[in-house]
Full PDB file with SEQRES, HELIX, SHEET, SSBOND, CRYST1, ORIGX, SCALE, CONECT and MASTER records, all heavy atoms in Angstrom:
SEQRES   1 A   30  CYS ALA ALA SER GLY SER LYS ILE SER ILE ILE THR MET          
SEQRES   2 A   30  ASN TRP TYR ARG GLN ALA PRO GLY ASN GLN ARG GLU LEU          
SEQRES   3 A   30  VAL ALA THR SER                                              
SHEET    1 AA1 2 ASN A  14  ARG A  17  0                                        
SHEET    2 AA1 2 GLU A  25  THR A  29 -1                                        
CRYST1    1.000    1.000    1.000  90.00  90.00  90.00 P 1           1          
ORIGX1      1.000000  0.000000  0.000000        0.00000                         
ORIGX2      0.000000  1.000000  0.000000        0.00000                         
ORIGX3      0.000000  0.000000  1.000000        0.00000                         
SCALE1      1.000000  0.000000  0.000000        0.00000                         
SCALE2      0.000000  1.000000  0.000000        0.00000                         
SCALE3      0.000000  0.000000  1.000000        0.00000                         
ATOM      1  N   CYS A   1      46.445  96.291 -63.524  1.00  0.00           N  
ATOM      2  CA  CYS A   1      46.127  96.114 -62.117  1.00  0.00           C  
ATOM      3  C   CYS A   1      47.208  95.225 -61.527  1.00  0.00           C  
ATOM      4  O   CYS A   1      47.192  94.003 -61.720  1.00  0.00           O  
ATOM      5  CB  CYS A   1      44.734  95.501 -61.970  1.00  0.00           C  
ATOM      6  SG  CYS A   1      44.200  95.220 -60.282  1.00  0.00           S  
ATOM      7  N   ALA A   2      48.134  95.836 -60.834  1.00  0.00           N  
ATOM      8  CA  ALA A   2      49.297  95.133 -60.322  1.00  0.00           C  
ATOM      9  C   ALA A   2      49.105  94.783 -58.857  1.00  0.00           C  
ATOM     10  O   ALA A   2      48.784  95.646 -58.036  1.00  0.00           O  
ATOM     11  CB  ALA A   2      50.548  95.979 -60.499  1.00  0.00           C  
ATOM     12  N   ALA A   3      49.318  93.537 -58.535  1.00  0.00           N  
ATOM     13  CA  ALA A   3      49.213  93.054 -57.165  1.00  0.00           C  
ATOM     14  C   ALA A   3      50.584  93.009 -56.524  1.00  0.00           C  
ATOM     15  O   ALA A   3      51.544  92.515 -57.125  1.00  0.00           O  
ATOM     16  CB  ALA A   3      48.575  91.672 -57.127  1.00  0.00           C  
ATOM     17  N   SER A   4      50.657  93.525 -55.321  1.00  0.00           N  
ATOM     18  CA  SER A   4      51.903  93.503 -54.577  1.00  0.00           C  
ATOM     19  C   SER A   4      51.761  92.574 -53.383  1.00  0.00           C  
ATOM     20  O   SER A   4      50.716  92.539 -52.722  1.00  0.00           O  
ATOM     21  CB  SER A   4      52.300  94.903 -54.115  1.00  0.00           C  
ATOM     22  OG  SER A   4      51.332  95.448 -53.228  1.00  0.00           O  
ATOM     23  N   GLY A   5      52.800  91.862 -53.113  1.00  0.00           N  
ATOM     24  CA  GLY A   5      52.815  90.921 -52.017  1.00  0.00           C  
ATOM     25  C   GLY A   5      53.822  89.829 -52.289  1.00  0.00           C  
ATOM     26  O   GLY A   5      54.296  89.665 -53.414  1.00  0.00           O  
ATOM     27  N   SER A   6      54.130  89.094 -51.272  1.00  0.00           N  
ATOM     28  CA  SER A   6      55.100  88.019 -51.402  1.00  0.00           C  
ATOM     29  C   SER A   6      54.390  86.676 -51.514  1.00  0.00           C  
ATOM     30  O   SER A   6      53.364  86.437 -50.860  1.00  0.00           O  
ATOM     31  CB  SER A   6      56.063  88.013 -50.213  1.00  0.00           C  
ATOM     32  OG  SER A   6      55.369  87.804 -48.992  1.00  0.00           O  
ATOM     33  N   LYS A   7      54.923  85.834 -52.364  1.00  0.00           N  
ATOM     34  CA  LYS A   7      54.431  84.468 -52.525  1.00  0.00           C  
ATOM     35  C   LYS A   7      52.940  84.429 -52.800  1.00  0.00           C  
ATOM     36  O   LYS A   7      52.167  83.740 -52.123  1.00  0.00           O  
ATOM     37  CB  LYS A   7      54.770  83.644 -51.287  1.00  0.00           C  
ATOM     38  CG  LYS A   7      56.254  83.578 -50.978  1.00  0.00           C  
ATOM     39  CD  LYS A   7      56.522  82.775 -49.717  1.00  0.00           C  
ATOM     40  CE  LYS A   7      58.004  82.737 -49.395  1.00  0.00           C  
ATOM     41  NZ  LYS A   7      58.281  81.979 -48.146  1.00  0.00           N  
ATOM     42  N   ILE A   8      52.533  85.174 -53.799  1.00  0.00           N  
ATOM     43  CA  ILE A   8      51.129  85.232 -54.167  1.00  0.00           C  
ATOM     44  C   ILE A   8      50.944  84.800 -55.614  1.00  0.00           C  
ATOM     45  O   ILE A   8      51.885  84.809 -56.405  1.00  0.00           O  
ATOM     46  CB  ILE A   8      50.549  86.643 -53.971  1.00  0.00           C  
ATOM     47  CG1 ILE A   8      51.275  87.647 -54.867  1.00  0.00           C  
ATOM     48  CG2 ILE A   8      50.641  87.059 -52.513  1.00  0.00           C  
ATOM     49  CD1 ILE A   8      50.650  89.020 -54.869  1.00  0.00           C  
ATOM     50  N   SER A   9      49.729  84.435 -55.926  1.00  0.00           N  
ATOM     51  CA  SER A   9      49.370  84.101 -57.290  1.00  0.00           C  
ATOM     52  C   SER A   9      47.926  84.511 -57.531  1.00  0.00           C  
ATOM     53  O   SER A   9      47.087  84.410 -56.640  1.00  0.00           O  
ATOM     54  CB  SER A   9      49.556  82.607 -57.569  1.00  0.00           C  
ATOM     55  OG  SER A   9      48.729  81.828 -56.722  1.00  0.00           O  
ATOM     56  N   ILE A  10      47.656  84.964 -58.718  1.00  0.00           N  
ATOM     57  CA  ILE A  10      46.306  85.372 -59.084  1.00  0.00           C  
ATOM     58  C   ILE A  10      45.511  84.148 -59.494  1.00  0.00           C  
ATOM     59  O   ILE A  10      45.903  83.408 -60.394  1.00  0.00           O  
ATOM     60  CB  ILE A  10      46.336  86.402 -60.220  1.00  0.00           C  
ATOM     61  CG1 ILE A  10      47.054  87.671 -59.749  1.00  0.00           C  
ATOM     62  CG2 ILE A  10      44.928  86.719 -60.694  1.00  0.00           C  
ATOM     63  CD1 ILE A  10      47.273  88.691 -60.830  1.00  0.00           C  
ATOM     64  N   ILE A  11      44.384  83.953 -58.829  1.00  0.00           N  
ATOM     65  CA  ILE A  11      43.553  82.792 -59.098  1.00  0.00           C  
ATOM     66  C   ILE A  11      42.423  83.137 -60.058  1.00  0.00           C  
ATOM     67  O   ILE A  11      42.250  82.493 -61.093  1.00  0.00           O  
ATOM     68  CB  ILE A  11      42.993  82.216 -57.786  1.00  0.00           C  
ATOM     69  CG1 ILE A  11      44.152  81.781 -56.872  1.00  0.00           C  
ATOM     70  CG2 ILE A  11      42.068  81.036 -58.073  1.00  0.00           C  
ATOM     71  CD1 ILE A  11      43.708  81.347 -55.491  1.00  0.00           C  
ATOM     72  N   THR A  12      41.642  84.125 -59.699  1.00  0.00           N  
ATOM     73  CA  THR A  12      40.586  84.599 -60.567  1.00  0.00           C  
ATOM     74  C   THR A  12      40.689  86.107 -60.677  1.00  0.00           C  
ATOM     75  O   THR A  12      41.266  86.767 -59.814  1.00  0.00           O  
ATOM     76  CB  THR A  12      39.184  84.218 -60.070  1.00  0.00           C  
ATOM     77  OG1 THR A  12      38.938  84.855 -58.807  1.00  0.00           O  
ATOM     78  CG2 THR A  12      39.069  82.708 -59.904  1.00  0.00           C  
ATOM     79  N   MET A  13      40.108  86.654 -61.718  1.00  0.00           N  
ATOM     80  CA  MET A  13      40.200  88.081 -61.939  1.00  0.00           C  
ATOM     81  C   MET A  13      38.906  88.605 -62.543  1.00  0.00           C  
ATOM     82  O   MET A  13      38.247  87.918 -63.326  1.00  0.00           O  
ATOM     83  CB  MET A  13      41.388  88.416 -62.843  1.00  0.00           C  
ATOM     84  CG  MET A  13      41.435  87.611 -64.127  1.00  0.00           C  
ATOM     85  SD  MET A  13      42.971  87.892 -65.050  1.00  0.00           S  
ATOM     86  CE  MET A  13      42.741  86.763 -66.416  1.00  0.00           C  
ATOM     87  N   ASN A  14      38.590  89.819 -62.169  1.00  0.00           N  
ATOM     88  CA  ASN A  14      37.381  90.475 -62.638  1.00  0.00           C  
ATOM     89  C   ASN A  14      37.664  91.950 -62.870  1.00  0.00           C  
ATOM     90  O   ASN A  14      38.490  92.555 -62.184  1.00  0.00           O  
ATOM     91  CB  ASN A  14      36.240  90.359 -61.622  1.00  0.00           C  
ATOM     92  CG  ASN A  14      36.016  88.948 -61.136  1.00  0.00           C  
ATOM     93  OD1 ASN A  14      35.505  88.106 -61.869  1.00  0.00           O  
ATOM     94  ND2 ASN A  14      36.401  88.678 -59.894  1.00  0.00           N  
ATOM     95  N   TRP A  15      36.960  92.501 -63.819  1.00  0.00           N  
ATOM     96  CA  TRP A  15      36.931  93.935 -64.020  1.00  0.00           C  
ATOM     97  C   TRP A  15      35.490  94.414 -63.932  1.00  0.00           C  
ATOM     98  O   TRP A  15      34.603  93.857 -64.587  1.00  0.00           O  
ATOM     99  CB  TRP A  15      37.517  94.340 -65.369  1.00  0.00           C  
ATOM    100  CG  TRP A  15      39.008  94.291 -65.417  1.00  0.00           C  
ATOM    101  CD1 TRP A  15      39.781  93.278 -65.871  1.00  0.00           C  
ATOM    102  CD2 TRP A  15      39.905  95.337 -65.001  1.00  0.00           C  
ATOM    103  NE1 TRP A  15      41.107  93.602 -65.771  1.00  0.00           N  
ATOM    104  CE2 TRP A  15      41.212  94.861 -65.240  1.00  0.00           C  
ATOM    105  CE3 TRP A  15      39.735  96.612 -64.463  1.00  0.00           C  
ATOM    106  CZ2 TRP A  15      42.349  95.633 -64.949  1.00  0.00           C  
ATOM    107  CZ3 TRP A  15      40.855  97.369 -64.174  1.00  0.00           C  
ATOM    108  CH2 TRP A  15      42.142  96.877 -64.415  1.00  0.00           C  
ATOM    109  N   TYR A  16      35.281  95.424 -63.124  1.00  0.00           N  
ATOM    110  CA  TYR A  16      33.985  96.070 -62.979  1.00  0.00           C  
ATOM    111  C   TYR A  16      34.096  97.513 -63.442  1.00  0.00           C  
ATOM    112  O   TYR A  16      35.193  98.071 -63.529  1.00  0.00           O  
ATOM    113  CB  TYR A  16      33.521  96.062 -61.529  1.00  0.00           C  
ATOM    114  CG  TYR A  16      33.161  94.706 -60.954  1.00  0.00           C  
ATOM    115  CD1 TYR A  16      34.136  93.868 -60.432  1.00  0.00           C  
ATOM    116  CD2 TYR A  16      31.836  94.283 -60.913  1.00  0.00           C  
ATOM    117  CE1 TYR A  16      33.808  92.643 -59.887  1.00  0.00           C  
ATOM    118  CE2 TYR A  16      31.495  93.061 -60.367  1.00  0.00           C  
ATOM    119  CZ  TYR A  16      32.487  92.242 -59.852  1.00  0.00           C  
ATOM    120  OH  TYR A  16      32.156  91.025 -59.298  1.00  0.00           O  
ATOM    121  N   ARG A  17      32.955  98.101 -63.698  1.00  0.00           N  
ATOM    122  CA  ARG A  17      32.917  99.526 -63.954  1.00  0.00           C  
ATOM    123  C   ARG A  17      31.633 100.111 -63.397  1.00  0.00           C  
ATOM    124  O   ARG A  17      30.634  99.418 -63.243  1.00  0.00           O  
ATOM    125  CB  ARG A  17      33.044  99.843 -65.442  1.00  0.00           C  
ATOM    126  CG  ARG A  17      31.845  99.432 -66.287  1.00  0.00           C  
ATOM    127  CD  ARG A  17      32.132  99.694 -67.758  1.00  0.00           C  
ATOM    128  NE  ARG A  17      31.002  99.356 -68.612  1.00  0.00           N  
ATOM    129  CZ  ARG A  17      31.034  99.356 -69.932  1.00  0.00           C  
ATOM    130  NH1 ARG A  17      32.163  99.683 -70.568  1.00  0.00           N  
ATOM    131  NH2 ARG A  17      29.956  99.034 -70.631  1.00  0.00           N  
ATOM    132  N   GLN A  18      31.700 101.385 -63.107  1.00  0.00           N  
ATOM    133  CA  GLN A  18      30.543 102.086 -62.591  1.00  0.00           C  
ATOM    134  C   GLN A  18      30.500 103.478 -63.193  1.00  0.00           C  
ATOM    135  O   GLN A  18      31.412 104.279 -62.982  1.00  0.00           O  
ATOM    136  CB  GLN A  18      30.565 102.162 -61.065  1.00  0.00           C  
ATOM    137  CG  GLN A  18      29.296 102.736 -60.470  1.00  0.00           C  
ATOM    138  CD  GLN A  18      29.201 102.518 -58.974  1.00  0.00           C  
ATOM    139  OE1 GLN A  18      30.185 102.151 -58.326  1.00  0.00           O  
ATOM    140  NE2 GLN A  18      28.027 102.721 -58.416  1.00  0.00           N  
ATOM    141  N   ALA A  19      29.448 103.732 -63.930  1.00  0.00           N  
ATOM    142  CA  ALA A  19      29.222 105.042 -64.507  1.00  0.00           C  
ATOM    143  C   ALA A  19      28.354 105.862 -63.562  1.00  0.00           C  
ATOM    144  O   ALA A  19      27.617 105.312 -62.737  1.00  0.00           O  
ATOM    145  CB  ALA A  19      28.556 104.919 -65.874  1.00  0.00           C  
ATOM    146  N   PRO A  20      28.409 107.180 -63.655  1.00  0.00           N  
ATOM    147  CA  PRO A  20      27.598 108.019 -62.777  1.00  0.00           C  
ATOM    148  C   PRO A  20      26.123 107.665 -62.850  1.00  0.00           C  
ATOM    149  O   PRO A  20      25.548 107.548 -63.934  1.00  0.00           O  
ATOM    150  CB  PRO A  20      27.852 109.429 -63.305  1.00  0.00           C  
ATOM    151  CG  PRO A  20      29.204 109.356 -63.930  1.00  0.00           C  
ATOM    152  CD  PRO A  20      29.274 107.989 -64.538  1.00  0.00           C  
ATOM    153  N   GLY A  21      25.522 107.463 -61.687  1.00  0.00           N  
ATOM    154  CA  GLY A  21      24.116 107.130 -61.613  1.00  0.00           C  
ATOM    155  C   GLY A  21      23.778 105.691 -61.880  1.00  0.00           C  
ATOM    156  O   GLY A  21      22.598 105.317 -61.813  1.00  0.00           O  
ATOM    157  N   ASN A  22      24.766 104.881 -62.194  1.00  0.00           N  
ATOM    158  CA  ASN A  22      24.530 103.477 -62.515  1.00  0.00           C  
ATOM    159  C   ASN A  22      25.059 102.565 -61.427  1.00  0.00           C  
ATOM    160  O   ASN A  22      25.910 102.941 -60.619  1.00  0.00           O  
ATOM    161  CB  ASN A  22      25.194 103.111 -63.841  1.00  0.00           C  
ATOM    162  CG  ASN A  22      24.534 103.760 -65.038  1.00  0.00           C  
ATOM    163  OD1 ASN A  22      23.541 104.478 -64.897  1.00  0.00           O  
ATOM    164  ND2 ASN A  22      25.085 103.514 -66.214  1.00  0.00           N  
ATOM    165  N   GLN A  23      24.551 101.346 -61.438  1.00  0.00           N  
ATOM    166  CA  GLN A  23      25.078 100.320 -60.565  1.00  0.00           C  
ATOM    167  C   GLN A  23      26.402  99.804 -61.110  1.00  0.00           C  
ATOM    168  O   GLN A  23      26.697  99.929 -62.304  1.00  0.00           O  
ATOM    169  CB  GLN A  23      24.080  99.165 -60.437  1.00  0.00           C  
ATOM    170  CG  GLN A  23      22.797  99.522 -59.715  1.00  0.00           C  
ATOM    171  CD  GLN A  23      23.033  99.762 -58.247  1.00  0.00           C  
ATOM    172  OE1 GLN A  23      23.742  99.020 -57.576  1.00  0.00           O  
ATOM    173  NE2 GLN A  23      22.435 100.830 -57.731  1.00  0.00           N  
ATOM    174  N   ARG A  24      27.174  99.237 -60.240  1.00  0.00           N  
ATOM    175  CA  ARG A  24      28.424  98.621 -60.649  1.00  0.00           C  
ATOM    176  C   ARG A  24      28.141  97.459 -61.589  1.00  0.00           C  
ATOM    177  O   ARG A  24      27.280  96.613 -61.321  1.00  0.00           O  
ATOM    178  CB  ARG A  24      29.203  98.141 -59.427  1.00  0.00           C  
ATOM    179  CG  ARG A  24      30.592  97.610 -59.745  1.00  0.00           C  
ATOM    180  CD  ARG A  24      31.292  97.153 -58.484  1.00  0.00           C  
ATOM    181  NE  ARG A  24      30.580  96.060 -57.840  1.00  0.00           N  
ATOM    182  CZ  ARG A  24      30.932  95.508 -56.686  1.00  0.00           C  
ATOM    183  NH1 ARG A  24      31.997  95.964 -56.031  1.00  0.00           N  
ATOM    184  NH2 ARG A  24      30.222  94.515 -56.180  1.00  0.00           N  
ATOM    185  N   GLU A  25      28.865  97.400 -62.672  1.00  0.00           N  
ATOM    186  CA  GLU A  25      28.652  96.417 -63.721  1.00  0.00           C  
ATOM    187  C   GLU A  25      29.878  95.534 -63.861  1.00  0.00           C  
ATOM    188  O   GLU A  25      31.008  96.028 -63.936  1.00  0.00           O  
ATOM    189  CB  GLU A  25      28.364  97.120 -65.053  1.00  0.00           C  
ATOM    190  CG  GLU A  25      28.244  96.193 -66.250  1.00  0.00           C  
ATOM    191  CD  GLU A  25      28.183  96.936 -67.568  1.00  0.00           C  
ATOM    192  OE1 GLU A  25      28.575  98.124 -67.599  1.00  0.00           O  
ATOM    193  OE2 GLU A  25      27.736  96.345 -68.567  1.00  0.00           O  
ATOM    194  N   LEU A  26      29.656  94.244 -63.924  1.00  0.00           N  
ATOM    195  CA  LEU A  26      30.736  93.312 -64.200  1.00  0.00           C  
ATOM    196  C   LEU A  26      31.029  93.345 -65.690  1.00  0.00           C  
ATOM    197  O   LEU A  26      30.168  93.011 -66.509  1.00  0.00           O  
ATOM    198  CB  LEU A  26      30.368  91.905 -63.751  1.00  0.00           C  
ATOM    199  CG  LEU A  26      31.410  90.813 -64.007  1.00  0.00           C  
ATOM    200  CD1 LEU A  26      32.703  91.100 -63.240  1.00  0.00           C  
ATOM    201  CD2 LEU A  26      30.861  89.445 -63.616  1.00  0.00           C  
ATOM    202  N   VAL A  27      32.238  93.705 -66.027  1.00  0.00           N  
ATOM    203  CA  VAL A  27      32.636  93.857 -67.419  1.00  0.00           C  
ATOM    204  C   VAL A  27      33.248  92.578 -67.967  1.00  0.00           C  
ATOM    205  O   VAL A  27      32.936  92.150 -69.085  1.00  0.00           O  
ATOM    206  CB  VAL A  27      33.627  95.029 -67.571  1.00  0.00           C  
ATOM    207  CG1 VAL A  27      34.153  95.115 -69.001  1.00  0.00           C  
ATOM    208  CG2 VAL A  27      32.952  96.332 -67.167  1.00  0.00           C  
ATOM    209  N   ALA A  28      34.141  91.970 -67.203  1.00  0.00           N  
ATOM    210  CA  ALA A  28      34.845  90.786 -67.653  1.00  0.00           C  
ATOM    211  C   ALA A  28      35.267  89.973 -66.453  1.00  0.00           C  
ATOM    212  O   ALA A  28      35.604  90.523 -65.400  1.00  0.00           O  
ATOM    213  CB  ALA A  28      36.066  91.152 -68.496  1.00  0.00           C  
ATOM    214  N   THR A  29      35.261  88.666 -66.610  1.00  0.00           N  
ATOM    215  CA  THR A  29      35.656  87.791 -65.525  1.00  0.00           C  
ATOM    216  C   THR A  29      36.354  86.566 -66.083  1.00  0.00           C  
ATOM    217  O   THR A  29      36.016  86.077 -67.168  1.00  0.00           O  
ATOM    218  CB  THR A  29      34.449  87.367 -64.669  1.00  0.00           C  
ATOM    219  OG1 THR A  29      34.882  86.560 -63.571  1.00  0.00           O  
ATOM    220  CG2 THR A  29      33.435  86.584 -65.496  1.00  0.00           C  
ATOM    221  N   SER A  30      37.321  86.084 -65.345  1.00  0.00           N  
ATOM    222  CA  SER A  30      38.057  84.882 -65.711  1.00  0.00           C  
ATOM    223  C   SER A  30      38.182  84.015 -64.471  1.00  0.00           C  
ATOM    224  O   SER A  30      38.716  84.458 -63.451  1.00  0.00           O  
ATOM    225  CB  SER A  30      39.438  85.224 -66.265  1.00  0.00           C  
ATOM    226  OG  SER A  30      40.157  84.050 -66.606  1.00  0.00           O  
TER     227      SER A  30                                                      
MASTER        0    0    0    0    2    0    0    6  226    1    0    3          
END                                                                             
């Protein structure tokens, strides 16, 4: 997951997933 922009920094990050018929699920967070 690549972020584009000038003078930026990643502070926190999350990965979610959503399977058919399911709610969005938080998979990993930092």
